[in-house]
Structure formats: structure tokens, C-alpha cells
Amino acid sequence: MPRIFDPKMHANILDRLQLEADLRGALDHKEFILFYQPIIDLKSHQLIGFEALVRWNHPKRGLIYPLEFIPLAEENGLIHIIGEWILRSPA
């Protein structure tokens, strides 16, 4: 069975490996940011809490949203470390 080298697939794999390596150092370099979104009761219009939204301020790629890095963190067991950081971060 012939094998075909796909440059795009290769580039995607290299990009993912680099992102994983960067993710491992992101906490040490203080690259995560928390944003707090208010939760409002629609009936009473009262503030009932806040939702913490984590973003990764990557030094080269800029702001990375969770959809891009959370699945990778889950696959590699880093999600627990990120979760602890979120819980320990001052509001």
C-alpha cells in the first residue's frame, strides 16, 4: 500500500507538538489570564455570581481561547494543573 506524505498534515502535527510544549511552560511564565463574567438573574436583574473564563496569552500567538488549548490540556493531564491555578488565583 503506497504512503503519501501530506505536508499540511505534517505542519499540523508540528504545530500541535509546539503548542503542547508551550502549554507546559505557560503556568511557569504566567501566561494565563482570568476574565470574570457576571451572571445575572433575568427575573430579578440581580447579580448572582461570576463565571471565570481562562485565556492563554501566548507570547507569539497572542490570546488563545480555551477551545484551542483545553482539549490538549485534557489529553496530556495538564488540565488539573490549570484548574488548580484557576482556583488559587485571586479574584
PDB file of N, CA and C in Angstrom:
ATOM      1  N   MET A   1       0.848  -1.181   0.000  1.00  0.00           N
ATOM      2  CA  MET A   1       0.000   0.000   0.000  1.00  0.00           C
ATOM      3  C   MET A   1       0.899   1.252   0.000  1.00  0.00           C
ATOM      4  N   PRO A   2       0.716   2.130  -0.947  1.00  0.00           N
ATOM      5  CA  PRO A   2       1.564   3.333  -1.014  1.00  0.00           C
ATOM      6  C   PRO A   2       1.226   4.312   0.111  1.00  0.00           C
ATOM      7  N   ARG A   3       2.242   4.988   0.562  1.00  0.00           N
ATOM      8  CA  ARG A   3       2.085   6.025   1.587  1.00  0.00           C
ATOM      9  C   ARG A   3       2.382   7.364   0.945  1.00  0.00           C
ATOM     10  N   ILE A   4       1.546   8.319   1.256  1.00  0.00           N
ATOM     11  CA  ILE A   4       1.704   9.650   0.679  1.00  0.00           C
ATOM     12  C   ILE A   4       1.994  10.634   1.796  1.00  0.00           C
ATOM     13  N   PHE A   5       3.051  11.389   1.627  1.00  0.00           N
ATOM     14  CA  PHE A   5       3.401  12.418   2.600  1.00  0.00           C
ATOM     15  C   PHE A   5       2.502  13.627   2.368  1.00  0.00           C
ATOM     16  N   ASP A   6       1.857  14.050   3.414  1.00  0.00           N
ATOM     17  CA  ASP A   6       0.967  15.209   3.330  1.00  0.00           C
ATOM     18  C   ASP A   6       1.612  16.364   4.094  1.00  0.00           C
ATOM     19  N   PRO A   7       2.155  17.358   3.409  1.00  0.00           N
ATOM     20  CA  PRO A   7       2.832  18.473   4.088  1.00  0.00           C
ATOM     21  C   PRO A   7       1.927  19.222   5.056  1.00  0.00           C
ATOM     22  N   LYS A   8       0.643  19.348   4.700  1.00  0.00           N
ATOM     23  CA  LYS A   8      -0.274  20.057   5.587  1.00  0.00           C
ATOM     24  C   LYS A   8      -0.479  19.285   6.892  1.00  0.00           C
ATOM     25  N   MET A   9      -0.643  17.975   6.785  1.00  0.00           N
ATOM     26  CA  MET A   9      -0.807  17.154   7.977  1.00  0.00           C
ATOM     27  C   MET A   9       0.455  17.212   8.845  1.00  0.00           C
ATOM     28  N   HIS A  10       1.603  17.170   8.190  1.00  0.00           N
ATOM     29  CA  HIS A  10       2.875  17.253   8.911  1.00  0.00           C
ATOM     30  C   HIS A  10       2.990  18.596   9.642  1.00  0.00           C
ATOM     31  N   ALA A  11       2.619  19.675   8.978  1.00  0.00           N
ATOM     32  CA  ALA A  11       2.666  21.006   9.596  1.00  0.00           C
ATOM     33  C   ALA A  11       1.711  21.089  10.785  1.00  0.00           C
ATOM     34  N   ASN A  12       0.524  20.487  10.657  1.00  0.00           N
ATOM     35  CA  ASN A  12      -0.441  20.483  11.760  1.00  0.00           C
ATOM     36  C   ASN A  12       0.094  19.729  12.967  1.00  0.00           C
ATOM     37  N   ILE A  13       0.768  18.617  12.722  1.00  0.00           N
ATOM     38  CA  ILE A  13       1.339  17.827  13.813  1.00  0.00           C
ATOM     39  C   ILE A  13       2.444  18.609  14.502  1.00  0.00           C
ATOM     40  N   LEU A  14       3.310  19.245  13.719  1.00  0.00           N
ATOM     41  CA  LEU A  14       4.386  20.045  14.309  1.00  0.00           C
ATOM     42  C   LEU A  14       3.823  21.217  15.118  1.00  0.00           C
ATOM     43  N   ASP A  15       2.778  21.850  14.591  1.00  0.00           N
ATOM     44  CA  ASP A  15       2.139  22.959  15.295  1.00  0.00           C
ATOM     45  C   ASP A  15       1.560  22.493  16.623  1.00  0.00           C
ATOM     46  N   ARG A  16       0.906  21.342  16.602  1.00  0.00           N
ATOM     47  CA  ARG A  16       0.313  20.785  17.826  1.00  0.00           C
ATOM     48  C   ARG A  16       1.383  20.427  18.854  1.00  0.00           C
ATOM     49  N   LEU A  17       2.487  19.836  18.399  1.00  0.00           N
ATOM     50  CA  LEU A  17       3.584  19.499  19.310  1.00  0.00           C
ATOM     51  C   LEU A  17       4.188  20.759  19.930  1.00  0.00           C
ATOM     52  N   GLN A  18       4.327  21.812  19.125  1.00  0.00           N
ATOM     53  CA  GLN A  18       4.864  23.066  19.644  1.00  0.00           C
ATOM     54  C   GLN A  18       3.909  23.686  20.654  1.00  0.00           C
ATOM     55  N   LEU A  19       2.612  23.649  20.353  1.00  0.00           N
ATOM     56  CA  LEU A  19       1.614  24.191  21.272  1.00  0.00           C
ATOM     57  C   LEU A  19       1.631  23.431  22.592  1.00  0.00           C
ATOM     58  N   GLU A  20       1.776  22.113  22.528  1.00  0.00           N
ATOM     59  CA  GLU A  20       1.854  21.318  23.752  1.00  0.00           C
ATOM     60  C   GLU A  20       3.088  21.690  24.571  1.00  0.00           C
ATOM     61  N   ALA A  21       4.211  21.849  23.913  1.00  0.00           N
ATOM     62  CA  ALA A  21       5.435  22.242  24.619  1.00  0.00           C
ATOM     63  C   ALA A  21       5.266  23.619  25.256  1.00  0.00           C
ATOM     64  N   ASP A  22       4.650  24.542  24.522  1.00  0.00           N
ATOM     65  CA  ASP A  22       4.407  25.888  25.059  1.00  0.00           C
ATOM     66  C   ASP A  22       3.437  25.842  26.229  1.00  0.00           C
ATOM     67  N   LEU A  23       2.423  24.986  26.132  1.00  0.00           N
ATOM     68  CA  LEU A  23       1.429  24.864  27.198  1.00  0.00           C
ATOM     69  C   LEU A  23       2.067  24.392  28.489  1.00  0.00           C
ATOM     70  N   ARG A  24       3.047  23.518  28.399  1.00  0.00           N
ATOM     71  CA  ARG A  24       3.719  23.009  29.594  1.00  0.00           C
ATOM     72  C   ARG A  24       4.438  24.122  30.352  1.00  0.00           C
ATOM     73  N   GLY A  25       4.898  25.144  29.650  1.00  0.00           N
ATOM     74  CA  GLY A  25       5.601  26.241  30.313  1.00  0.00           C
ATOM     75  C   GLY A  25       4.741  27.458  30.595  1.00  0.00           C
ATOM     76  N   ALA A  26       3.495  27.433  30.159  1.00  0.00           N
ATOM     77  CA  ALA A  26       2.635  28.617  30.266  1.00  0.00           C
ATOM     78  C   ALA A  26       2.373  29.040  31.708  1.00  0.00           C
ATOM     79  N   LEU A  27       2.202  28.082  32.613  1.00  0.00           N
ATOM     80  CA  LEU A  27       1.976  28.450  34.018  1.00  0.00           C
ATOM     81  C   LEU A  27       3.231  29.054  34.632  1.00  0.00           C
ATOM     82  N   ASP A  28       4.372  28.457  34.344  1.00  0.00           N
ATOM     83  CA  ASP A  28       5.633  28.981  34.877  1.00  0.00           C
ATOM     84  C   ASP A  28       5.898  30.407  34.402  1.00  0.00           C
ATOM     85  N   HIS A  29       5.465  30.712  33.177  1.00  0.00           N
ATOM     86  CA  HIS A  29       5.699  32.037  32.607  1.00  0.00           C
ATOM     87  C   HIS A  29       4.537  33.005  32.838  1.00  0.00           C
ATOM     88  N   LYS A  30       3.547  32.556  33.629  1.00  0.00           N
ATOM     89  CA  LYS A  30       2.390  33.395  33.984  1.00  0.00           C
ATOM     90  C   LYS A  30       1.671  33.923  32.735  1.00  0.00           C
ATOM     91  N   GLU A  31       1.351  33.008  31.829  1.00  0.00           N
ATOM     92  CA  GLU A  31       0.726  33.381  30.563  1.00  0.00           C
ATOM     93  C   GLU A  31      -0.797  33.240  30.573  1.00  0.00           C
ATOM     94  N   PHE A  32      -1.365  32.679  31.636  1.00  0.00           N
ATOM     95  CA  PHE A  32      -2.820  32.539  31.693  1.00  0.00           C
ATOM     96  C   PHE A  32      -3.450  33.777  32.309  1.00  0.00           C
ATOM     97  N   ILE A  33      -4.627  34.101  31.827  1.00  0.00           N
ATOM     98  CA  ILE A  33      -5.378  35.268  32.312  1.00  0.00           C
ATOM     99  C   ILE A  33      -6.792  34.804  32.621  1.00  0.00           C
ATOM    100  N   LEU A  34      -7.355  35.320  33.702  1.00  0.00           N
ATOM    101  CA  LEU A  34      -8.751  35.043  34.027  1.00  0.00           C
ATOM    102  C   LEU A  34      -9.591  36.283  33.774  1.00  0.00           C
ATOM    103  N   PHE A  35     -10.732  36.066  33.154  1.00  0.00           N
ATOM    104  CA  PHE A  35     -11.731  37.106  32.979  1.00  0.00           C
ATOM    105  C   PHE A  35     -12.962  36.650  33.748  1.00  0.00           C
ATOM    106  N   TYR A  36     -13.598  37.572  34.439  1.00  0.00           N
ATOM    107  CA  TYR A  36     -14.791  37.224  35.212  1.00  0.00           C
ATOM    108  C   TYR A  36     -16.014  37.813  34.527  1.00  0.00           C
ATOM    109  N   GLN A  37     -16.934  36.924  34.188  1.00  0.00           N
ATOM    110  CA  GLN A  37     -18.173  37.324  33.525  1.00  0.00           C
ATOM    111  C   GLN A  37     -19.306  37.250  34.538  1.00  0.00           C
ATOM    112  N   PRO A  38     -20.024  38.337  34.723  1.00  0.00           N
ATOM    113  CA  PRO A  38     -21.112  38.317  35.707  1.00  0.00           C
ATOM    114  C   PRO A  38     -22.255  37.416  35.256  1.00  0.00           C
ATOM    115  N   ILE A  39     -22.898  36.805  36.222  1.00  0.00           N
ATOM    116  CA  ILE A  39     -24.098  36.006  35.970  1.00  0.00           C
ATOM    117  C   ILE A  39     -25.259  36.757  36.610  1.00  0.00           C
ATOM    118  N   ILE A  40     -26.230  37.121  35.795  1.00  0.00           N
ATOM    119  CA  ILE A  40     -27.365  37.933  36.226  1.00  0.00           C
ATOM    120  C   ILE A  40     -28.645  37.092  36.172  1.00  0.00           C
ATOM    121  N   ASP A  41     -29.430  37.143  37.234  1.00  0.00           N
ATOM    122  CA  ASP A  41     -30.750  36.514  37.232  1.00  0.00           C
ATOM    123  C   ASP A  41     -31.661  37.363  36.352  1.00  0.00           C
ATOM    124  N   LEU A  42     -32.223  36.762  35.311  1.00  0.00           N
ATOM    125  CA  LEU A  42     -33.017  37.527  34.356  1.00  0.00           C
ATOM    126  C   LEU A  42     -34.344  38.023  34.931  1.00  0.00           C
ATOM    127  N   LYS A  43     -34.866  37.332  35.925  1.00  0.00           N
ATOM    128  CA  LYS A  43     -36.129  37.769  36.532  1.00  0.00           C
ATOM    129  C   LYS A  43     -35.922  38.956  37.470  1.00  0.00           C
ATOM    130  N   SER A  44     -34.935  38.828  38.353  1.00  0.00           N
ATOM    131  CA  SER A  44     -34.730  39.866  39.368  1.00  0.00           C
ATOM    132  C   SER A  44     -33.697  40.916  38.956  1.00  0.00           C
ATOM    133  N   HIS A  45     -32.944  40.641  37.913  1.00  0.00           N
ATOM    134  CA  HIS A  45     -31.848  41.507  37.461  1.00  0.00           C
ATOM    135  C   HIS A  45     -30.764  41.645  38.534  1.00  0.00           C
ATOM    136  N   GLN A  46     -30.688  40.677  39.426  1.00  0.00           N
ATOM    137  CA  GLN A  46     -29.683  40.665  40.487  1.00  0.00           C
ATOM    138  C   GLN A  46     -28.441  39.904  40.025  1.00  0.00           C
ATOM    139  N   LEU A  47     -27.321  40.393  40.471  1.00  0.00           N
ATOM    140  CA  LEU A  47     -26.066  39.687  40.245  1.00  0.00           C
ATOM    141  C   LEU A  47     -26.064  38.459  41.157  1.00  0.00           C
ATOM    142  N   ILE A  48     -25.907  37.265  40.565  1.00  0.00           N
ATOM    143  CA  ILE A  48     -25.930  36.057  41.397  1.00  0.00           C
ATOM    144  C   ILE A  48     -24.591  35.326  41.408  1.00  0.00           C
ATOM    145  N   GLY A  49     -23.623  35.798  40.679  1.00  0.00           N
ATOM    146  CA  GLY A  49     -22.320  35.161  40.681  1.00  0.00           C
ATOM    147  C   GLY A  49     -21.478  35.601  39.504  1.00  0.00           C
ATOM    148  N   PHE A  50     -20.369  34.901  39.360  1.00  0.00           N
ATOM    149  CA  PHE A  50     -19.444  35.168  38.272  1.00  0.00           C
ATOM    150  C   PHE A  50     -18.964  33.853  37.683  1.00  0.00           C
ATOM    151  N   GLU A  51     -18.651  33.886  36.413  1.00  0.00           N
ATOM    152  CA  GLU A  51     -18.050  32.745  35.740  1.00  0.00           C
ATOM    153  C   GLU A  51     -16.608  33.128  35.422  1.00  0.00           C
ATOM    154  N   ALA A  52     -15.673  32.255  35.779  1.00  0.00           N
ATOM    155  CA  ALA A  52     -14.263  32.505  35.481  1.00  0.00           C
ATOM    156  C   ALA A  52     -13.944  31.944  34.103  1.00  0.00           C
ATOM    157  N   LEU A  53     -13.417  32.792  33.230  1.00  0.00           N
ATOM    158  CA  LEU A  53     -13.064  32.396  31.869  1.00  0.00           C
ATOM    159  C   LEU A  53     -11.552  32.502  31.711  1.00  0.00           C
ATOM    160  N   VAL A  54     -10.905  31.398  31.422  1.00  0.00           N
ATOM    161  CA  VAL A  54      -9.448  31.401  31.290  1.00  0.00           C
ATOM    162  C   VAL A  54      -9.058  31.602  29.828  1.00  0.00           C
ATOM    163  N   ARG A  55      -8.045  32.401  29.621  1.00  0.00           N
ATOM    164  CA  ARG A  55      -7.461  32.629  28.310  1.00  0.00           C
ATOM    165  C   ARG A  55      -5.946  32.462  28.449  1.00  0.00           C
ATOM    166  N   TRP A  56      -5.321  32.087  27.363  1.00  0.00           N
ATOM    167  CA  TRP A  56      -3.867  31.913  27.345  1.00  0.00           C
ATOM    168  C   TRP A  56      -3.275  33.039  26.530  1.00  0.00           C
ATOM    169  N   ASN A  57      -2.481  33.878  27.154  1.00  0.00           N
ATOM    170  CA  ASN A  57      -1.805  34.975  26.468  1.00  0.00           C
ATOM    171  C   ASN A  57      -0.442  34.470  25.990  1.00  0.00           C
ATOM    172  N   HIS A  58      -0.456  33.810  24.854  1.00  0.00           N
ATOM    173  CA  HIS A  58       0.755  33.200  24.292  1.00  0.00           C
ATOM    174  C   HIS A  58       1.685  34.312  23.804  1.00  0.00           C
ATOM    175  N   PRO A  59       2.980  34.217  24.104  1.00  0.00           N
ATOM    176  CA  PRO A  59       3.901  35.299  23.736  1.00  0.00           C
ATOM    177  C   PRO A  59       4.039  35.534  22.233  1.00  0.00           C
ATOM    178  N   LYS A  60       3.816  34.521  21.415  1.00  0.00           N
ATOM    179  CA  LYS A  60       3.941  34.683  19.960  1.00  0.00           C
ATOM    180  C   LYS A  60       2.596  34.678  19.246  1.00  0.00           C
ATOM    181  N   ARG A  61       1.646  33.898  19.736  1.00  0.00           N
ATOM    182  CA  ARG A  61       0.354  33.748  19.066  1.00  0.00           C
ATOM    183  C   ARG A  61      -0.710  34.704  19.572  1.00  0.00           C
ATOM    184  N   GLY A  62      -0.434  35.383  20.664  1.00  0.00           N
ATOM    185  CA  GLY A  62      -1.436  36.273  21.235  1.00  0.00           C
ATOM    186  C   GLY A  62      -2.451  35.497  22.064  1.00  0.00           C
ATOM    187  N   LEU A  63      -3.646  36.035  22.175  1.00  0.00           N
ATOM    188  CA  LEU A  63      -4.681  35.451  23.015  1.00  0.00           C
ATOM    189  C   LEU A  63      -5.230  34.170  22.381  1.00  0.00           C
ATOM    190  N   ILE A  64      -5.141  33.081  23.136  1.00  0.00           N
ATOM    191  CA  ILE A  64      -5.644  31.789  22.673  1.00  0.00           C
ATOM    192  C   ILE A  64      -6.858  31.434  23.525  1.00  0.00           C
ATOM    193  N   TYR A  65      -7.955  31.107  22.853  1.00  0.00           N
ATOM    194  CA  TYR A  65      -9.199  30.772  23.547  1.00  0.00           C
ATOM    195  C   TYR A  65      -9.200  29.310  23.981  1.00  0.00           C
ATOM    196  N   PRO A  66      -9.984  28.981  25.000  1.00  0.00           N
ATOM    197  CA  PRO A  66      -9.979  27.633  25.573  1.00  0.00           C
ATOM    198  C   PRO A  66     -10.247  26.510  24.575  1.00  0.00           C
ATOM    199  N   LEU A  67     -11.062  26.765  23.578  1.00  0.00           N
ATOM    200  CA  LEU A  67     -11.386  25.722  22.608  1.00  0.00           C
ATOM    201  C   LEU A  67     -10.131  25.155  21.945  1.00  0.00           C
ATOM    202  N   GLU A  68      -9.090  25.979  21.871  1.00  0.00           N
ATOM    203  CA  GLU A  68      -7.856  25.542  21.223  1.00  0.00           C
ATOM    204  C   GLU A  68      -6.908  24.816  22.175  1.00  0.00           C
ATOM    205  N   PHE A  69      -6.873  25.208  23.467  1.00  0.00           N
ATOM    206  CA  PHE A  69      -5.876  24.593  24.347  1.00  0.00           C
ATOM    207  C   PHE A  69      -6.439  23.667  25.419  1.00  0.00           C
ATOM    208  N   ILE A  70      -7.708  23.781  25.789  1.00  0.00           N
ATOM    209  CA  ILE A  70      -8.267  22.918  26.838  1.00  0.00           C
ATOM    210  C   ILE A  70      -8.270  21.444  26.411  1.00  0.00           C
ATOM    211  N   PRO A  71      -8.716  21.097  25.188  1.00  0.00           N
ATOM    212  CA  PRO A  71      -8.651  19.670  24.806  1.00  0.00           C
ATOM    213  C   PRO A  71      -7.232  19.104  24.874  1.00  0.00           C
ATOM    214  N   LEU A  72      -6.250  19.900  24.474  1.00  0.00           N
ATOM    215  CA  LEU A  72      -4.860  19.465  24.544  1.00  0.00           C
ATOM    216  C   LEU A  72      -4.432  19.272  25.997  1.00  0.00           C
ATOM    217  N   ALA A  73      -4.838  20.188  26.866  1.00  0.00           N
ATOM    218  CA  ALA A  73      -4.514  20.075  28.291  1.00  0.00           C
ATOM    219  C   ALA A  73      -5.173  18.841  28.903  1.00  0.00           C
ATOM    220  N   GLU A  74      -6.385  18.534  28.471  1.00  0.00           N
ATOM    221  CA  GLU A  74      -7.078  17.347  28.975  1.00  0.00           C
ATOM    222  C   GLU A  74      -6.365  16.072  28.524  1.00  0.00           C
ATOM    223  N   GLU A  75      -5.952  16.023  27.283  1.00  0.00           N
ATOM    224  CA  GLU A  75      -5.271  14.844  26.743  1.00  0.00           C
ATOM    225  C   GLU A  75      -3.949  14.577  27.443  1.00  0.00           C
ATOM    226  N   ASN A  76      -3.281  15.629  27.882  1.00  0.00           N
ATOM    227  CA  ASN A  76      -1.946  15.497  28.446  1.00  0.00           C
ATOM    228  C   ASN A  76      -1.898  15.603  29.969  1.00  0.00           C
ATOM    229  N   GLY A  77      -3.067  15.644  30.604  1.00  0.00           N
ATOM    230  CA  GLY A  77      -3.106  15.692  32.059  1.00  0.00           C
ATOM    231  C   GLY A  77      -2.759  17.037  32.660  1.00  0.00           C
ATOM    232  N   LEU A  78      -2.637  18.066  31.837  1.00  0.00           N
ATOM    233  CA  LEU A  78      -2.294  19.395  32.345  1.00  0.00           C
ATOM    234  C   LEU A  78      -3.525  20.155  32.839  1.00  0.00           C
ATOM    235  N   ILE A  79      -4.712  19.636  32.531  1.00  0.00           N
ATOM    236  CA  ILE A  79      -5.943  20.328  32.904  1.00  0.00           C
ATOM    237  C   ILE A  79      -6.066  20.475  34.421  1.00  0.00           C
ATOM    238  N   HIS A  80      -5.565  19.497  35.162  1.00  0.00           N
ATOM    239  CA  HIS A  80      -5.635  19.567  36.629  1.00  0.00           C
ATOM    240  C   HIS A  80      -4.775  20.709  37.165  1.00  0.00           C
ATOM    241  N   ILE A  81      -3.624  20.900  36.565  1.00  0.00           N
ATOM    242  CA  ILE A  81      -2.728  21.982  36.993  1.00  0.00           C
ATOM    243  C   ILE A  81      -3.356  23.338  36.670  1.00  0.00           C
ATOM    244  N   ILE A  82      -3.952  23.460  35.492  1.00  0.00           N
ATOM    245  CA  ILE A  82      -4.623  24.706  35.106  1.00  0.00           C
ATOM    246  C   ILE A  82      -5.804  24.962  36.038  1.00  0.00           C
ATOM    247  N   GLY A  83      -6.569  23.916  36.340  1.00  0.00           N
ATOM    248  CA  GLY A  83      -7.703  24.050  37.253  1.00  0.00           C
ATOM    249  C   GLY A  83      -7.277  24.517  38.635  1.00  0.00           C
ATOM    250  N   GLU A  84      -6.197  23.969  39.153  1.00  0.00           N
ATOM    251  CA  GLU A  84      -5.678  24.408  40.464  1.00  0.00           C
ATOM    252  C   GLU A  84      -5.269  25.870  40.413  1.00  0.00           C
ATOM    253  N   TRP A  85      -4.624  26.273  39.321  1.00  0.00           N
ATOM    254  CA  TRP A  85      -4.212  27.676  39.186  1.00  0.00           C
ATOM    255  C   TRP A  85      -5.433  28.587  39.214  1.00  0.00           C
ATOM    256  N   ILE A  86      -6.493  28.189  38.496  1.00  0.00           N
ATOM    257  CA  ILE A  86      -7.709  28.988  38.457  1.00  0.00           C
ATOM    258  C   ILE A  86      -8.295  29.132  39.859  1.00  0.00           C
ATOM    259  N   LEU A  87      -8.360  28.026  40.594  1.00  0.00           N
ATOM    260  CA  LEU A  87      -8.952  28.059  41.941  1.00  0.00           C
ATOM    261  C   LEU A  87      -8.108  28.877  42.917  1.00  0.00           C
ATOM    262  N   ARG A  88      -6.817  28.932  42.726  1.00  0.00           N
ATOM    263  CA  ARG A  88      -5.929  29.659  43.653  1.00  0.00           C
ATOM    264  C   ARG A  88      -5.703  31.116  43.255  1.00  0.00           C
ATOM    265  N   SER A  89      -6.135  31.485  42.058  1.00  0.00           N
ATOM    266  CA  SER A  89      -5.918  32.866  41.589  1.00  0.00           C
ATOM    267  C   SER A  89      -6.813  33.843  42.339  1.00  0.00           C
ATOM    268  N   PRO A  90      -6.256  34.991  42.709  1.00  0.00           N
ATOM    269  CA  PRO A  90      -7.083  35.993  43.383  1.00  0.00           C
ATOM    270  C   PRO A  90      -8.124  36.570  42.421  1.00  0.00           C
ATOM    271  N   ALA A  91      -9.251  36.903  42.960  1.00  0.00           N
ATOM    272  CA  ALA A  91     -10.350  37.450  42.134  1.00  0.00           C
ATOM    273  C   ALA A  91     -10.067  38.866  41.719  1.00  0.00           C
TER     274      ALA A  91
END
